[in-house]
Structures are given as C-alpha cells and as structure tokens.
Amino acid sequence: MLALKITSPGHTETCTVQEREPGAGEVKLRVHRVGLCGSDLNTFRGLNPMVTYPRIPGHEIGAEVIATGTGVSTCSVGDKVVAIPYTECGRCAACRAGRFNACEFNETLGVQRDGAMSATCVLPAEKLLVCNSLSFDDLALVEPLAVGMRVARRAAVDIGDHVVVFGCGVVGLGAIAGAAAAGGRVVAVDVDDRKKSIALACGAERFFNSRTDPLEELPRSIDGGRGPAVVVEAVGLDMTYRAAIDIVAFAGRVVYVGYAKKPVSFDTSLFVKKELDIRGSRNASARDFSAVLSLLEQRRYPLDRLITAHYPLSEAGRAFTDWAADTGGVTKFVVDIT
C-alpha cells in the first residue's frame, strides 16, 4: 500500500509499505484523513529531536474500521474513529500518578514510531474512540484540539478568569476554545492578523497583534491593569516563553505547551515575587479527547474554517513545503488518503 515518508530533513517520498492484518485486541483502519501537525513540520525541517529518519508521519487521523481482531468489542466494521496516538508504559512516575499522557516513555504515532500517513493502519482497540456523527475531516482535527483542551485544564481556568493565549495554531485555538468553555475571558495573541477572525470564532473576546502593538501594553488593558490570571504559551519561541512570565498577573498561572527551539533565559525573581504556578502540558488524555468530541458535536468550533487546504496523498510532500513557506497563513493542512 502507498505511504508517505519523510526520508531526511527537507525530503519526502511516496513509497510502498507492507499492509498487515489485526491481531488480538487490534483494529485495522482505512485512513481517510490525516492532519499535519507542527511536530510533523518540525520533522520535515529537521527540528524535531524526538524523530529518527526515515519516518512515516501522521497522528491526527479520521479513519474507518475495516476489520477487528479477536476480543474487540468496543467498535465494529464501518465505525468512524479517532485515535489517541500515544503509548504509556504503566510504570513510570507519570503513569503511576494517572497522567498517562505524560508517560516518560511515550511513543507518539508519526514521531517516535511510524504514523498513519498510509492507506491503512492497525492500532490497539483501546486507543480508538468511536464517533459516527462527525465527518472524517472533523475527526482529523480532534487530536490537536484535545491537546489545547488539556492546556485549559492544566491552567485550571475558572469563570471570569482573564486568559491570554500566545499562538493561534490549532493547539492554541483549542486552548482558546477550552478556556472560553470554562468561562474564561480570552485574549488571543498572534503576529498575523489573518488569525484574528478564527480566534474570535473559537471564543476569544479580542485579538492582539504582538508584531504591530507593544506587548508590554497588553497587561495594562486586562483586569484593571492587573494583567491576566492565566497565560498559555502555544508558540515555542524564547521571546514568548519570557513574555508569558512578564505579563501574567501576580499569583497567576503560566502553562507551556510549545517547545522552545533553543535555551531560554528567565528573570527568575518574577517566579518568586509573583508566586507563580508554572506548568507544562503534554499531549492529551482520553477525557480531553471525549470533551472535544462533545464540543465538536455541538458545533462549538468553527470547523469549516480550521482547515486551510486539502492535499491528496500523492502531493503530501508539497504540503510540507507550502507550509514551511508560509507558516502564518496556515491553520491546518489535511491530507486526503482515500
């Protein structure tokens, strides 16, 4: 069957890989849609330290069950499903704490192991969630939105909290929607005005362009000049890592979900002076996936505007080059497998 591989930084190829049948507890899927993730783009650029080459990308999938192995009772042939693409060891400190999404030895589809950018794939039944009411396009958006939902949960957003979210990619939009659903008053921050309308549609009250307006002015306009109670960093830049600490209110909460691409220097006195809660957020839990599925069914996301463009599998390599050429203009590229 056909698949796409990233063979080395900047290079992809369409190839043939072996198709396999499901074993006990496994499900064979016909993959219809695969969303391209920022981690996939970083793999293409050679900036993903967790990847070895060659690698088949793809962990944001909308798929259909076409066969089940013995012992599978949670889904049936013909069901539409989304995959939770992470593994857990069950033994590390995170797993023992019940935070399986942060497993020390996690292997995500398309990152530490080959992903689903192929005509079919086989996954454990326990990693699939059935949702027949959504389209395959919708299902391909679930994983990054769930990562954003996890961020909002880690931030413990409450009714009336002022929240700033740096970055309006799909993860950032998921954080905006999750924070707004929890009753937060959200300001979306990005450097591209093309992201404004979609950020507002996801629940932000206003949009701030940090390229054209001085960032130090932002906290003065929030909560009577006290600044936001919560800041989410969903960009992964050293400047936004520091800015999150600078603008958050005293006794505030900062959640990092974007990986900084180089070491970051902080004024650590602010950690103590402000008595900040500083948290990381990684991947998403089954609960986060279920919450997003529920919101999708309620049409709480502007689904028709989240996907920037579709590419057939035969042109998936071009999707990476197009995205690399205009990162600000892309919300989500989706590859149509079938």
Protein backbone atom coordinates (compact mmCIF):
# COMPACT_ATOMS: atom_id res chain seq x y z
CA MET A 1 0.00 0.00 0.00
CA LEU A 2 1.05 3.61 -0.51
CA ALA A 3 2.50 5.73 2.28
CA LEU A 4 4.43 8.97 2.66
CA LYS A 5 7.85 9.01 4.33
CA ILE A 6 9.97 11.91 5.46
CA THR A 7 13.33 10.46 4.47
CA SER A 8 15.56 13.26 5.78
CA PRO A 9 15.19 16.95 6.60
CA GLY A 10 13.51 18.67 3.66
CA HIS A 11 12.87 15.46 1.72
CA THR A 12 9.81 13.22 1.35
CA GLU A 13 8.86 10.33 -0.87
CA THR A 14 5.74 8.32 -1.64
CA CYS A 15 6.56 4.65 -1.16
CA THR A 16 5.01 1.21 -0.78
CA VAL A 17 4.86 -0.39 2.66
CA GLN A 18 3.59 -3.76 3.85
CA GLU A 19 -0.08 -3.94 4.80
CA ARG A 20 -0.93 -6.08 7.82
CA GLU A 21 -3.97 -7.61 9.47
CA PRO A 22 -5.11 -7.02 13.06
CA GLY A 23 -4.10 -9.33 15.86
CA ALA A 24 -5.89 -9.93 19.16
CA GLY A 25 -7.21 -6.65 20.59
CA GLU A 26 -6.30 -4.75 17.44
CA VAL A 27 -8.30 -2.93 14.76
CA LYS A 28 -7.48 -2.36 11.11
CA LEU A 29 -8.40 1.09 9.84
CA ARG A 30 -8.91 2.60 6.43
CA VAL A 31 -7.35 6.02 6.87
CA HIS A 32 -9.39 8.75 5.18
CA ARG A 33 -7.81 11.95 6.53
CA VAL A 34 -4.55 12.88 8.24
CA GLY A 35 -3.95 16.33 9.68
CA LEU A 36 -0.44 17.73 9.53
CA CYS A 37 0.90 18.78 12.92
CA GLY A 38 3.56 21.25 13.94
CA SER A 39 5.67 18.30 15.08
CA ASP A 40 5.39 16.88 11.53
CA LEU A 41 6.57 20.20 10.11
CA ASN A 42 9.49 20.24 12.54
CA THR A 43 10.35 16.69 11.45
CA PHE A 44 10.37 17.90 7.84
CA ARG A 45 12.56 20.85 8.82
CA GLY A 46 14.95 18.69 10.85
CA LEU A 47 14.00 20.42 14.10
CA ASN A 48 12.28 17.55 15.92
CA PRO A 49 14.77 16.00 18.39
CA MET A 50 12.49 13.01 19.05
CA VAL A 51 12.49 11.74 15.44
CA THR A 52 14.80 9.44 13.53
CA TYR A 53 14.65 9.05 9.75
CA PRO A 54 13.01 7.76 7.68
CA ARG A 55 9.66 8.33 9.38
CA ILE A 56 6.05 7.93 8.25
CA PRO A 57 4.26 10.93 9.84
CA GLY A 58 0.65 11.22 10.89
CA HIS A 59 -1.14 11.06 14.22
CA GLU A 60 -4.19 13.28 13.61
CA ILE A 61 -6.47 10.83 11.85
CA GLY A 62 -10.04 10.37 10.74
CA ALA A 63 -10.49 6.69 9.92
CA GLU A 64 -12.97 3.87 9.37
CA VAL A 65 -12.89 0.41 10.93
CA ILE A 66 -12.49 -2.26 8.23
CA ALA A 67 -11.52 -5.30 10.35
CA THR A 68 -11.22 -6.27 14.00
CA GLY A 69 -9.06 -8.83 15.75
CA THR A 70 -10.26 -11.27 18.36
CA GLY A 71 -11.51 -9.86 21.64
CA VAL A 72 -12.51 -6.46 20.24
CA SER A 73 -15.94 -5.30 21.40
CA THR A 74 -15.61 -1.51 21.54
CA CYS A 75 -16.02 -0.87 17.82
CA SER A 76 -17.39 -2.54 14.71
CA VAL A 77 -16.67 -2.61 11.00
CA GLY A 78 -17.92 0.63 9.46
CA ASP A 79 -17.48 2.76 12.57
CA LYS A 80 -15.79 6.14 12.25
CA VAL A 81 -12.99 6.57 14.76
CA VAL A 82 -10.29 8.91 16.02
CA ALA A 83 -7.09 7.57 17.55
CA ILE A 84 -5.38 8.52 20.78
CA PRO A 85 -1.89 8.29 19.28
CA TYR A 86 0.23 7.96 22.42
CA THR A 87 1.58 4.98 24.35
CA GLU A 88 2.08 4.55 28.07
CA CYS A 89 4.36 2.21 29.99
CA GLY A 90 2.21 1.97 33.13
CA ARG A 91 5.32 2.02 35.36
CA CYS A 92 6.91 5.48 35.24
CA ALA A 93 6.11 8.23 37.73
CA ALA A 94 3.60 9.93 35.40
CA CYS A 95 1.71 6.70 34.73
CA ARG A 96 1.67 5.81 38.43
CA ALA A 97 0.14 9.25 39.05
CA GLY A 98 -2.58 8.52 36.46
CA ARG A 99 -1.21 11.09 33.99
CA PHE A 100 -0.66 8.64 31.17
CA ASN A 101 -0.46 11.44 28.59
CA ALA A 102 2.88 12.45 30.14
CA CYS A 103 4.40 8.96 30.17
CA GLU A 104 8.18 9.18 30.35
CA PHE A 105 8.49 6.54 27.64
CA ASN A 106 5.63 7.67 25.39
CA GLU A 107 5.91 6.93 21.67
CA THR A 108 3.58 9.04 19.56
CA LEU A 109 2.44 7.88 16.14
CA GLY A 110 4.48 9.62 13.47
CA VAL A 111 7.11 10.82 15.92
CA GLN A 112 8.94 8.07 17.81
CA ARG A 113 7.23 5.39 15.68
CA ASP A 114 5.75 5.30 12.19
CA GLY A 115 2.42 7.03 11.84
CA ALA A 116 -0.75 6.76 9.82
CA MET A 117 0.10 8.55 6.58
CA SER A 118 -0.83 5.41 4.63
CA ALA A 119 -3.88 3.74 3.12
CA THR A 120 -4.47 1.53 6.17
CA CYS A 121 -3.04 1.10 9.65
CA VAL A 122 -3.50 -1.24 12.61
CA LEU A 123 -3.93 0.13 16.14
CA PRO A 124 -4.98 -1.22 19.55
CA ALA A 125 -8.75 -1.04 20.01
CA GLU A 126 -8.25 0.64 23.38
CA LYS A 127 -6.73 3.64 21.61
CA LEU A 128 -9.79 4.33 19.44
CA LEU A 129 -12.85 6.46 20.14
CA VAL A 130 -15.96 5.93 18.03
CA CYS A 131 -17.87 8.98 16.79
CA ASN A 132 -20.12 8.22 13.83
CA SER A 133 -21.83 11.63 13.92
CA LEU A 134 -18.72 13.51 12.73
CA SER A 135 -17.06 13.66 9.35
CA PHE A 136 -13.56 12.35 8.66
CA ASP A 137 -12.41 15.97 8.33
CA ASP A 138 -13.80 16.69 11.81
CA LEU A 139 -12.10 13.63 13.29
CA ALA A 140 -8.72 14.67 11.87
CA LEU A 141 -8.97 17.85 13.98
CA VAL A 142 -9.70 16.15 17.29
CA GLU A 143 -6.15 15.42 18.48
CA PRO A 144 -4.71 18.96 18.27
CA LEU A 145 -7.90 20.42 19.73
CA ALA A 146 -7.64 17.88 22.58
CA VAL A 147 -4.06 18.99 23.23
CA GLY A 148 -5.44 22.53 23.54
CA MET A 149 -8.21 21.32 25.83
CA ARG A 150 -5.57 19.71 28.03
CA VAL A 151 -3.82 23.08 28.29
CA ALA A 152 -7.01 24.76 29.50
CA ARG A 153 -7.45 22.03 32.12
CA ARG A 154 -3.83 22.35 33.27
CA ALA A 155 -4.41 26.10 33.61
CA ALA A 156 -7.45 25.43 35.84
CA VAL A 157 -9.38 28.17 34.07
CA ASP A 158 -12.41 29.28 36.08
CA ILE A 159 -15.38 31.52 35.35
CA GLY A 160 -14.24 35.11 34.87
CA ASP A 161 -10.51 34.36 34.68
CA HIS A 162 -8.64 36.61 32.28
CA VAL A 163 -6.62 34.40 29.92
CA VAL A 164 -4.00 35.25 27.31
CA VAL A 165 -3.12 32.63 24.69
CA PHE A 166 0.05 33.11 22.65
CA GLY A 167 -0.32 31.44 19.25
CA CYS A 168 -3.38 30.77 17.10
CA GLY A 169 -2.43 27.48 15.53
CA VAL A 170 -4.86 24.63 16.09
CA VAL A 171 -3.45 23.82 19.55
CA GLY A 172 -3.71 27.47 20.55
CA LEU A 173 -7.24 27.62 19.13
CA GLY A 174 -8.09 24.52 21.15
CA ALA A 175 -6.79 26.24 24.28
CA ILE A 176 -8.86 29.32 23.44
CA ALA A 177 -11.99 27.24 22.98
CA GLY A 178 -11.33 25.18 26.12
CA ALA A 179 -10.68 28.28 28.24
CA ALA A 180 -13.76 30.04 26.87
CA ALA A 181 -15.90 26.95 27.52
CA ALA A 182 -14.72 27.03 31.14
CA GLY A 183 -15.85 30.65 31.47
CA GLY A 184 -12.54 32.38 30.82
CA ARG A 185 -12.26 35.77 29.15
CA VAL A 186 -9.67 35.15 26.46
CA VAL A 187 -7.30 37.44 24.57
CA ALA A 188 -5.67 35.72 21.59
CA VAL A 189 -2.16 36.86 20.65
CA ASP A 190 -0.52 36.25 17.28
CA VAL A 191 1.69 38.05 14.77
CA ASP A 192 -0.63 37.55 11.81
CA ASP A 193 -3.95 39.37 11.50
CA ARG A 194 -5.24 36.52 9.33
CA LYS A 195 -5.70 34.58 12.57
CA LYS A 196 -7.99 37.16 14.14
CA SER A 197 -11.38 36.07 12.85
CA ILE A 198 -10.86 32.39 13.60
CA ALA A 199 -9.55 33.14 17.11
CA LEU A 200 -12.68 35.18 17.82
CA ALA A 201 -14.85 32.41 16.38
CA CYS A 202 -13.21 29.94 18.79
CA GLY A 203 -14.19 32.06 21.79
CA ALA A 204 -11.60 34.82 22.22
CA GLU A 205 -13.06 38.19 23.24
CA ARG A 206 -10.35 40.09 21.41
CA PHE A 207 -7.21 39.71 19.34
CA PHE A 208 -3.81 41.33 19.91
CA ASN A 209 -1.14 41.52 17.22
CA SER A 210 2.19 41.46 19.06
CA ARG A 211 4.09 42.36 15.90
CA THR A 212 2.36 45.70 15.43
CA ASP A 213 1.49 46.64 19.03
CA PRO A 214 3.88 46.80 22.02
CA LEU A 215 3.37 43.66 24.09
CA GLU A 216 4.00 45.49 27.36
CA GLU A 217 0.76 47.39 26.76
CA LEU A 218 -1.34 44.22 26.80
CA PRO A 219 -1.46 43.52 30.57
CA ARG A 220 -2.33 47.16 31.26
CA SER A 221 -5.59 46.62 29.38
CA ILE A 222 -6.58 43.48 31.30
CA ASP A 223 -8.43 43.32 34.63
CA GLY A 224 -7.88 46.96 35.51
CA GLY A 225 -4.18 46.79 34.76
CA ARG A 226 -3.52 43.74 36.93
CA GLY A 227 -2.90 41.53 33.92
CA PRO A 228 -4.16 38.06 33.04
CA ALA A 229 -4.61 35.35 35.67
CA VAL A 230 -3.56 32.76 33.08
CA VAL A 231 -1.09 32.85 30.21
CA VAL A 232 -0.78 29.98 27.73
CA GLU A 233 2.30 29.69 25.51
CA ALA A 234 1.46 27.70 22.37
CA VAL A 235 4.19 29.04 20.07
CA GLY A 236 7.50 27.65 21.27
CA LEU A 237 9.70 30.75 20.99
CA ASP A 238 12.14 32.03 23.59
CA MET A 239 10.58 35.51 23.42
CA THR A 240 7.05 34.26 24.14
CA TYR A 241 8.32 31.94 26.88
CA ARG A 242 9.71 35.02 28.65
CA ALA A 243 6.76 37.23 27.78
CA ALA A 244 4.38 34.80 29.50
CA ILE A 245 6.20 35.35 32.79
CA ASP A 246 6.41 39.10 32.26
CA ILE A 247 2.73 39.76 31.57
CA VAL A 248 0.97 37.25 33.86
CA ALA A 249 -0.64 38.72 36.97
CA PHE A 250 0.74 38.27 40.47
CA ALA A 251 -0.35 34.86 41.81
CA GLY A 252 -1.06 33.87 38.21
CA ARG A 253 -0.65 30.65 36.26
CA VAL A 254 1.52 30.02 33.19
CA VAL A 255 1.15 26.91 31.04
CA TYR A 256 3.69 25.97 28.38
CA VAL A 257 2.70 23.63 25.56
CA GLY A 258 5.01 24.79 22.77
CA TYR A 259 8.61 23.52 22.74
CA ALA A 260 11.17 26.34 22.69
CA LYS A 261 13.71 25.67 19.95
CA LYS A 262 16.66 26.99 21.98
CA PRO A 263 17.53 27.57 25.65
CA VAL A 264 15.51 30.29 27.38
CA SER A 265 16.86 32.72 29.98
CA PHE A 266 14.38 33.97 32.60
CA ASP A 267 14.34 36.68 35.23
CA THR A 268 13.66 34.12 37.95
CA SER A 269 12.89 36.80 40.53
CA LEU A 270 9.45 37.07 38.92
CA PHE A 271 8.75 33.41 39.73
CA VAL A 272 9.08 34.25 43.43
CA LYS A 273 7.81 37.83 43.52
CA LYS A 274 4.63 36.86 41.70
CA GLU A 275 4.38 33.44 43.40
CA LEU A 276 3.57 31.91 40.04
CA ASP A 277 2.25 28.48 39.20
CA ILE A 278 4.31 27.39 36.17
CA ARG A 279 3.12 24.23 34.43
CA GLY A 280 3.83 22.19 31.37
CA SER A 281 1.16 20.47 29.30
CA ARG A 282 1.84 17.44 27.16
CA ASN A 283 -0.37 15.53 24.73
CA ALA A 284 -3.94 14.87 25.91
CA SER A 285 -5.92 12.39 27.98
CA ALA A 286 -8.90 10.28 26.93
CA ARG A 287 -11.03 12.71 28.93
CA ASP A 288 -9.73 15.62 26.82
CA PHE A 289 -10.49 13.73 23.60
CA SER A 290 -14.03 12.99 24.81
CA ALA A 291 -14.59 16.63 25.78
CA VAL A 292 -13.53 17.80 22.32
CA LEU A 293 -15.73 15.23 20.60
CA SER A 294 -18.67 16.54 22.61
CA LEU A 295 -17.91 20.16 21.68
CA LEU A 296 -17.48 19.18 18.03
CA GLU A 297 -20.88 17.51 18.05
CA GLN A 298 -22.30 20.75 19.46
CA ARG A 299 -20.55 22.68 16.63
CA ARG A 300 -18.67 24.76 19.21
CA TYR A 301 -15.64 25.07 16.90
CA PRO A 302 -15.65 26.88 13.52
CA LEU A 303 -14.89 23.61 11.75
CA ASP A 304 -15.38 24.93 8.24
CA ARG A 305 -12.59 27.47 8.84
CA LEU A 306 -10.00 25.37 10.65
CA ILE A 307 -8.81 23.52 7.54
CA THR A 308 -6.72 25.75 5.29
CA ALA A 309 -6.32 23.26 2.41
CA HIS A 310 -6.58 19.60 1.41
CA TYR A 311 -3.82 17.68 -0.39
CA PRO A 312 -4.02 14.20 -1.92
CA LEU A 313 -1.53 11.64 -0.59
CA SER A 314 0.42 11.87 -3.85
CA GLU A 315 1.08 15.58 -3.12
CA ALA A 316 1.56 15.39 0.65
CA GLY A 317 5.22 16.28 0.26
CA ARG A 318 4.22 19.58 -1.34
CA ALA A 319 2.04 20.32 1.69
CA PHE A 320 5.16 20.43 3.84
CA THR A 321 6.99 22.80 1.51
CA ASP A 322 3.93 25.03 1.17
CA TRP A 323 3.51 25.18 4.95
CA ALA A 324 7.20 25.90 5.54
CA ALA A 325 6.96 28.77 3.06
CA ASP A 326 4.03 30.49 4.83
CA THR A 327 3.58 29.25 8.40
CA GLY A 328 1.48 32.25 9.40
CA GLY A 329 -1.05 31.65 6.66
CA VAL A 330 -1.78 28.05 7.62
CA THR A 331 -4.16 26.87 10.31
CA LYS A 332 -4.37 23.21 9.29
CA PHE A 333 -3.39 21.23 6.21
CA VAL A 334 -5.19 17.90 5.80
CA VAL A 335 -4.05 15.03 3.58
CA ASP A 336 -6.83 13.06 1.86
CA ILE A 337 -5.70 9.43 1.88
CA THR A 338 -8.83 7.95 0.26
